Protein backbone atom coordinates (compact mmCIF):
# COMPACT_ATOMS: atom_id res chain seq x y z
CA MET A 1 38.19 -83.23 126.26
CA GLY A 2 41.17 -83.19 123.90
CA GLU A 3 42.26 -80.44 121.56
CA VAL A 4 39.58 -79.67 118.94
CA THR A 5 40.68 -79.05 115.37
CA PRO A 6 39.59 -75.54 114.38
CA VAL A 7 37.09 -75.21 111.57
CA VAL A 8 38.41 -73.33 108.55
CA THR A 9 35.36 -71.53 107.18
CA ILE A 10 36.82 -70.36 103.89
CA ASP A 11 40.03 -70.98 101.96
CA TRP A 12 41.57 -71.04 98.50
CA VAL A 13 42.34 -74.56 97.27
CA ASP A 14 43.39 -75.56 93.75
CA GLU A 15 42.07 -72.45 91.97
CA ALA A 16 38.72 -72.45 93.78
CA VAL A 17 37.10 -71.10 96.93
CA VAL A 18 36.29 -73.84 99.43
CA ILE A 19 33.76 -73.11 102.19
CA ILE A 20 31.96 -75.03 104.88
CA ASP A 21 28.25 -74.93 103.97
CA GLN A 22 26.70 -73.22 106.98
CA THR A 23 23.17 -73.97 105.77
CA ALA A 24 23.81 -77.70 106.37
CA LEU A 25 24.91 -77.28 109.99
CA PRO A 26 24.52 -78.64 112.62
CA HIS A 27 23.38 -81.87 111.00
CA ARG A 28 26.01 -82.23 108.26
CA GLU A 29 29.54 -80.88 107.95
CA THR A 30 29.69 -80.31 104.21
CA TYR A 31 32.27 -78.40 102.18
CA LEU A 32 31.53 -76.69 98.87
CA ARG A 33 34.02 -76.04 96.08
CA LEU A 34 33.12 -72.81 94.28
CA SER A 35 34.94 -72.24 91.00
CA THR A 36 32.88 -69.43 89.44
CA VAL A 37 31.78 -65.98 90.55
CA ASP A 38 28.10 -66.92 90.22
CA GLU A 39 28.58 -69.94 92.50
CA LEU A 40 30.24 -67.77 95.13
CA ILE A 41 27.57 -65.06 94.93
CA ASP A 42 24.87 -67.70 95.34
CA ALA A 43 26.67 -69.03 98.43
CA ILE A 44 26.85 -65.51 99.87
CA VAL A 45 23.19 -64.69 99.20
CA ARG A 46 21.83 -67.93 100.65
CA LEU A 47 24.15 -67.66 103.70
CA ALA A 48 26.25 -70.72 102.98
CA VAL A 49 29.07 -68.36 103.91
CA ARG A 50 28.25 -65.48 106.27
CA GLY A 51 29.73 -63.33 109.02
CA ALA A 52 31.38 -59.98 108.34
CA PRO A 53 35.07 -61.07 108.32
CA ALA A 54 34.33 -64.23 106.32
CA LEU A 55 32.37 -62.17 103.79
CA GLY A 56 35.35 -59.85 103.38
CA VAL A 57 37.59 -62.78 102.56
CA ALA A 58 34.92 -64.25 100.30
CA GLY A 59 34.70 -60.99 98.39
CA ALA A 60 38.46 -60.81 97.92
CA MET A 61 38.67 -64.43 96.80
CA GLY A 62 35.73 -63.79 94.50
CA VAL A 63 37.79 -61.19 92.66
CA ALA A 64 40.56 -63.80 92.35
CA LEU A 65 37.99 -66.09 90.71
CA ALA A 66 36.75 -63.29 88.48
CA VAL A 67 40.15 -62.38 87.02
CA ARG A 68 40.63 -66.03 86.05
CA GLN A 69 37.09 -66.53 84.74
CA PHE A 70 36.96 -63.31 82.72
CA LYS A 71 40.51 -63.05 81.45
CA ASP A 72 40.69 -60.52 78.57
CA GLN A 73 37.02 -59.59 79.14
CA PRO A 74 37.23 -56.25 80.97
CA GLU A 75 33.51 -55.45 80.82
CA ALA A 76 32.50 -58.86 82.18
CA LEU A 77 35.17 -58.59 84.86
CA ALA A 78 33.92 -55.16 85.99
CA LYS A 79 30.36 -56.48 86.11
CA ALA A 80 31.43 -59.48 88.20
CA VAL A 81 33.33 -57.28 90.66
CA THR A 82 30.27 -55.04 91.13
CA ALA A 83 27.99 -58.06 91.62
CA LEU A 84 30.31 -59.43 94.29
CA ALA A 85 30.52 -56.11 96.16
CA THR A 86 26.72 -55.69 96.27
CA ALA A 87 25.67 -59.29 96.95
CA ARG A 88 24.81 -58.31 100.54
CA PRO A 89 24.72 -54.53 101.09
CA THR A 90 24.74 -54.10 104.88
CA ALA A 91 28.01 -55.75 105.94
CA VAL A 92 30.83 -53.38 105.06
CA ASN A 93 33.51 -56.11 104.98
CA LEU A 94 32.21 -57.68 101.78
CA ALA A 95 32.56 -54.52 99.70
CA ARG A 96 35.88 -53.70 101.34
CA GLY A 97 37.31 -57.14 100.58
CA VAL A 98 36.24 -56.82 96.95
CA GLU A 99 37.69 -53.31 96.70
CA ARG A 100 41.00 -54.36 98.21
CA ALA A 101 41.52 -57.28 95.85
CA ALA A 102 40.24 -55.36 92.83
CA ALA A 103 42.91 -52.72 93.40
CA ALA A 104 45.47 -55.36 92.42
CA ILE A 105 43.80 -56.24 89.09
CA PRO A 106 46.23 -54.11 87.03
CA ASP A 107 49.08 -56.20 88.46
CA GLY A 108 47.62 -59.49 87.28
CA PRO A 109 45.81 -62.56 88.68
CA GLU A 110 48.57 -63.63 91.04
CA ALA A 111 48.66 -60.19 92.66
CA VAL A 112 44.89 -60.34 93.16
CA LEU A 113 45.17 -63.77 94.78
CA ALA A 114 48.05 -62.59 96.98
CA SER A 115 45.87 -59.71 98.19
CA ALA A 116 43.01 -62.10 99.03
CA LEU A 117 45.27 -64.53 100.88
CA ALA A 118 46.84 -61.67 102.83
CA LEU A 119 43.37 -60.59 103.96
CA ARG A 120 42.63 -64.19 105.00
CA ASP A 121 45.78 -64.30 107.13
CA GLU A 122 45.08 -60.88 108.66
CA GLU A 123 41.61 -62.00 109.75
CA VAL A 124 43.07 -65.08 111.46
CA ALA A 125 45.55 -62.90 113.37
CA ALA A 126 42.82 -60.40 114.22
CA SER A 127 40.69 -63.15 115.77
CA GLU A 128 43.52 -64.15 118.07
CA ALA A 129 44.14 -60.56 119.17
CA MET A 130 40.44 -59.81 119.72
CA ALA A 131 40.05 -62.93 121.85
CA LYS A 132 42.76 -61.88 124.28
CA ARG A 133 41.83 -58.19 124.42
CA GLY A 134 38.15 -58.97 124.84
CA ALA A 135 38.72 -61.56 127.55
CA ASP A 136 40.84 -59.07 129.49
CA LEU A 137 38.05 -56.48 129.25
CA LEU A 138 35.28 -58.89 130.27
CA THR A 139 37.29 -59.99 133.30
CA GLU A 140 37.79 -56.34 134.25
CA LEU A 141 34.08 -55.57 133.84
CA CYS A 142 32.53 -58.76 135.27
CA GLY A 143 35.12 -60.49 137.41
CA ASP A 144 35.57 -64.24 137.25
CA ASN A 145 33.04 -66.78 135.97
CA PRO A 146 30.38 -64.70 134.23
CA THR A 147 27.56 -66.15 132.20
CA VAL A 148 27.67 -64.41 128.84
CA LEU A 149 24.85 -63.96 126.35
CA THR A 150 25.72 -64.05 122.65
CA HIS A 151 23.58 -63.32 119.61
CA CYS A 152 23.79 -64.73 116.08
CA ASN A 153 27.06 -66.51 115.31
CA THR A 154 30.44 -64.89 115.88
CA GLY A 155 32.79 -67.87 116.04
CA GLY A 156 35.12 -69.35 113.49
CA LEU A 157 32.20 -69.83 111.10
CA ALA A 158 31.81 -66.05 110.88
CA THR A 159 35.49 -65.41 110.26
CA VAL A 160 38.16 -67.68 108.79
CA THR A 161 38.89 -69.48 112.01
CA GLY A 162 38.72 -68.28 115.62
CA GLY A 163 35.95 -65.70 115.65
CA THR A 164 35.07 -62.29 117.05
CA ALA A 165 32.73 -62.19 120.06
CA LEU A 166 32.67 -65.97 120.41
CA ALA A 167 36.46 -66.03 120.33
CA VAL A 168 36.37 -63.93 123.52
CA VAL A 169 34.04 -66.48 125.10
CA VAL A 170 36.37 -69.30 124.08
CA GLU A 171 39.36 -67.46 125.55
CA LEU A 172 37.53 -66.95 128.86
CA HIS A 173 36.77 -70.67 128.91
CA ARG A 174 40.41 -71.48 128.15
CA ARG A 175 41.46 -69.35 131.11
CA GLY A 176 38.94 -71.07 133.39
CA LEU A 177 37.03 -67.83 133.89
CA LEU A 178 33.66 -68.60 132.26
CA ARG A 179 30.58 -70.04 133.93
CA GLY A 180 28.65 -70.60 130.72
CA VAL A 181 26.91 -69.15 127.68
CA ILE A 182 23.35 -68.25 126.79
CA ALA A 183 23.14 -68.59 123.01
CA SER A 184 20.29 -66.49 121.69
CA GLU A 185 18.66 -68.63 119.00
CA THR A 186 18.56 -65.75 116.45
CA ARG A 187 15.37 -65.76 114.45
CA PRO A 188 14.47 -66.41 111.72
CA LEU A 189 17.39 -68.58 110.53
CA LEU A 190 18.63 -69.73 113.94
CA GLN A 191 22.31 -68.91 113.57
CA GLY A 192 22.63 -69.06 117.35
CA ALA A 193 20.75 -72.31 117.83
CA ARG A 194 22.36 -74.01 114.82
CA LEU A 195 25.84 -72.54 114.43
CA THR A 196 26.90 -71.08 117.78
CA ALA A 197 25.57 -74.10 119.63
CA TRP A 198 27.44 -76.39 117.21
CA GLU A 199 30.70 -74.52 117.81
CA LEU A 200 30.28 -74.39 121.59
CA GLY A 201 29.47 -78.08 121.72
CA ARG A 202 32.59 -78.98 119.73
CA LEU A 203 34.66 -76.95 122.18
CA GLY A 204 33.10 -78.44 125.32
CA ILE A 205 31.82 -75.07 126.56
CA PRO A 206 28.63 -75.25 128.67
CA TYR A 207 25.73 -73.44 127.03
CA ARG A 208 21.97 -73.07 126.93
CA ILE A 209 19.87 -71.89 123.99
CA ALA A 210 17.26 -69.21 124.70
CA VAL A 211 14.63 -67.71 122.43
CA ASP A 212 15.57 -64.19 121.40
CA GLY A 213 12.86 -62.55 123.47
CA ALA A 214 14.03 -64.24 126.68
CA GLY A 215 17.35 -62.43 126.74
CA PRO A 216 16.32 -59.20 128.50
CA PHE A 217 14.34 -61.17 131.12
CA LEU A 218 17.30 -63.45 131.87
CA MET A 219 19.45 -60.34 132.30
CA ALA A 220 16.87 -58.74 134.61
CA ARG A 221 16.87 -61.68 136.98
CA GLY A 222 20.66 -61.89 137.16
CA GLU A 223 21.30 -64.96 135.00
CA VAL A 224 23.52 -63.03 132.58
CA GLN A 225 26.48 -60.85 133.57
CA ALA A 226 27.42 -59.51 130.11
CA VAL A 227 26.22 -59.41 126.50
CA VAL A 228 28.93 -59.90 123.88
CA ILE A 229 28.06 -59.57 120.20
CA GLY A 230 29.82 -59.04 116.89
CA ALA A 231 29.07 -56.39 114.27
CA ASP A 232 28.50 -56.11 110.57
CA ARG A 233 29.32 -52.39 110.60
CA VAL A 234 30.37 -49.86 113.24
CA CYS A 235 29.58 -46.32 112.15
CA ALA A 236 31.68 -43.22 112.77
CA ASN A 237 29.58 -42.19 115.78
CA GLY A 238 29.75 -45.67 117.35
CA ASP A 239 26.33 -46.94 116.24
CA VAL A 240 26.51 -50.72 115.74
CA VAL A 241 24.79 -52.56 112.90
CA ASN A 242 24.38 -56.25 113.66
CA LYS A 243 21.98 -59.16 113.29
CA VAL A 244 18.41 -58.14 114.07
CA GLY A 245 17.68 -58.72 117.77
CA SER A 246 20.91 -57.09 118.92
CA TYR A 247 19.13 -53.81 119.74
CA ALA A 248 16.70 -55.56 122.08
CA HIS A 249 19.59 -57.21 123.93
CA ALA A 250 21.29 -53.82 124.25
CA LEU A 251 18.17 -52.33 125.79
CA GLY A 252 17.94 -55.27 128.18
CA ALA A 253 21.58 -54.93 129.17
CA ALA A 254 21.18 -51.21 129.85
CA ALA A 255 18.10 -51.83 131.99
CA ALA A 256 19.90 -54.57 133.94
CA GLY A 257 23.08 -52.53 134.35
CA ILE A 258 25.34 -55.12 132.73
CA PRO A 259 28.00 -54.57 130.04
CA PHE A 260 27.07 -54.66 126.36
CA VAL A 261 30.33 -55.28 124.49
CA VAL A 262 30.84 -55.40 120.72
CA VAL A 263 33.79 -57.36 119.28
CA CYS A 264 34.79 -56.86 115.66
CA PRO A 265 37.90 -56.34 113.54
CA GLU A 266 39.07 -52.88 112.52
CA SER A 267 37.88 -53.73 109.00
CA THR A 268 34.29 -53.51 110.28
CA VAL A 269 34.72 -49.96 111.62
CA ASP A 270 33.36 -47.68 108.90
CA THR A 271 34.30 -44.07 109.52
CA SER A 272 32.85 -43.08 106.13
CA THR A 273 29.32 -43.81 107.39
CA ALA A 274 28.26 -41.20 109.91
CA THR A 275 25.46 -43.00 111.79
CA GLY A 276 23.37 -46.13 111.70
CA SER A 277 20.56 -44.26 109.97
CA ASP A 278 22.82 -43.95 106.90
CA VAL A 279 23.17 -47.73 106.46
CA GLU A 280 21.10 -49.69 103.95
CA ILE A 281 19.45 -52.47 105.98
CA GLU A 282 18.94 -55.65 103.99
CA ASP A 283 15.38 -57.02 103.98
CA ARG A 284 15.40 -60.71 103.12
CA GLY A 285 11.73 -61.00 102.19
CA ALA A 286 8.76 -62.75 103.69
CA GLY A 287 9.70 -66.36 103.04
CA GLU A 288 11.98 -66.70 106.08
CA VAL A 289 9.30 -65.33 108.42
CA VAL A 290 5.97 -66.81 107.29
CA GLY A 291 7.22 -70.40 107.29
CA PHE A 292 9.67 -72.73 108.97
CA ALA A 293 11.71 -75.63 107.58
CA GLY A 294 9.88 -75.45 104.26
CA GLN A 295 6.42 -75.45 105.84
CA ARG A 296 4.25 -72.33 105.80
CA THR A 297 3.12 -71.45 109.33
CA ALA A 298 1.40 -68.11 108.76
CA PRO A 299 -1.92 -67.49 106.98
CA ALA A 300 -1.65 -67.43 103.20
CA GLU A 301 -2.36 -63.71 103.04
CA ALA A 302 0.18 -62.72 105.72
CA ALA A 303 2.85 -60.19 104.79
CA ALA A 304 6.09 -59.88 106.75
CA ALA A 305 8.84 -57.49 107.73
CA ASN A 306 12.23 -59.20 107.69
CA PRO A 307 15.13 -56.81 108.33
CA ALA A 308 18.26 -58.92 108.54
CA PHE A 309 19.99 -56.34 110.76
CA ASP A 310 19.21 -53.63 113.26
CA VAL A 311 21.05 -50.60 114.63
CA THR A 312 22.12 -50.33 118.28
CA PRO A 313 22.65 -46.64 119.14
CA HIS A 314 26.11 -45.86 120.48
CA HIS A 315 24.76 -44.69 123.84
CA LEU A 316 23.78 -48.32 124.63
CA VAL A 317 27.27 -49.72 123.90
CA THR A 318 29.71 -50.19 126.78
CA ALA A 319 32.77 -50.80 124.62
CA ILE A 320 33.90 -51.92 121.17
CA VAL A 321 36.85 -54.31 121.07
CA THR A 322 39.01 -54.68 117.97
CA GLU A 323 42.33 -56.39 117.39
CA ARG A 324 44.08 -53.07 118.06
CA ARG A 325 42.14 -51.26 120.75
CA VAL A 326 39.19 -50.92 123.11
CA ILE A 327 36.89 -48.06 122.13
CA ASP A 328 34.71 -46.74 124.94
CA GLY A 329 31.05 -46.63 123.92
CA GLY A 330 28.35 -44.23 125.02
CA ARG A 331 27.48 -46.17 128.19
CA PRO A 332 29.80 -45.45 131.11
CA ARG A 333 31.59 -48.52 132.40
């Protein structure tokens, strides 16, 4: 197939933040124009924009909105900045993006916007570097033509354009060194089945969707040669916080003796957080678990546990790939 135009997940256009609405995919490709802080926070909370790098850029651009919306209102501006930074507590990039742009507030609105746009451009460059470094590592670990299992969505939709873990998969495909992809569907909101599958299909990369629980079994019978995921936070000791279900895939990979590789930008490495047990794990409430597509499927009295993320201990991680380096994990290669 011909060259596919990359999706730009988030950008600044005419004094507003423009995002692709990920809740509408794969059925509709819809873009939202967000001109107020409240509109952006709503988009973040309901996952219209998601993915650690994209959230960092969203946070920075949110501060650019805030300094325009609350000009000469310092108390309202401070409140808006705090609301942006805490809209989703687990992913470190969101708070970091807000903090970075907010540092430029004393220099005026244009300095804040310049900081946000610089972060956007850095994330694009980071995606390109991670793709190449990660593809080199996977070829070293697996040889040619592996089938790779991914979890959640780590493509251009999770960044600005390009991706993290999925960018590595795309680079392997570009080099002619990929057999195919198992896209873990990613309960309860199906980021793998909706978003990753949509991106892979656009790119002409062969894939199959598997229920989350099938991953370890497919690894055990030799249908998967590596697991490649992203991260929402990497702690100082190498523990990896990512979409819930990642831990189970790490256990499956360890049992099968295949690599478990994490791909994320340096901005996701959080040396100020010692271990995964120190991270606040977002619980998104029962609604996403007790029903599906607006229809309740569980008994009326059913309660639910809905952690949005889990923690993979560092001893289950083969390597962490960033745009600058490969960090050996706790599992020997």
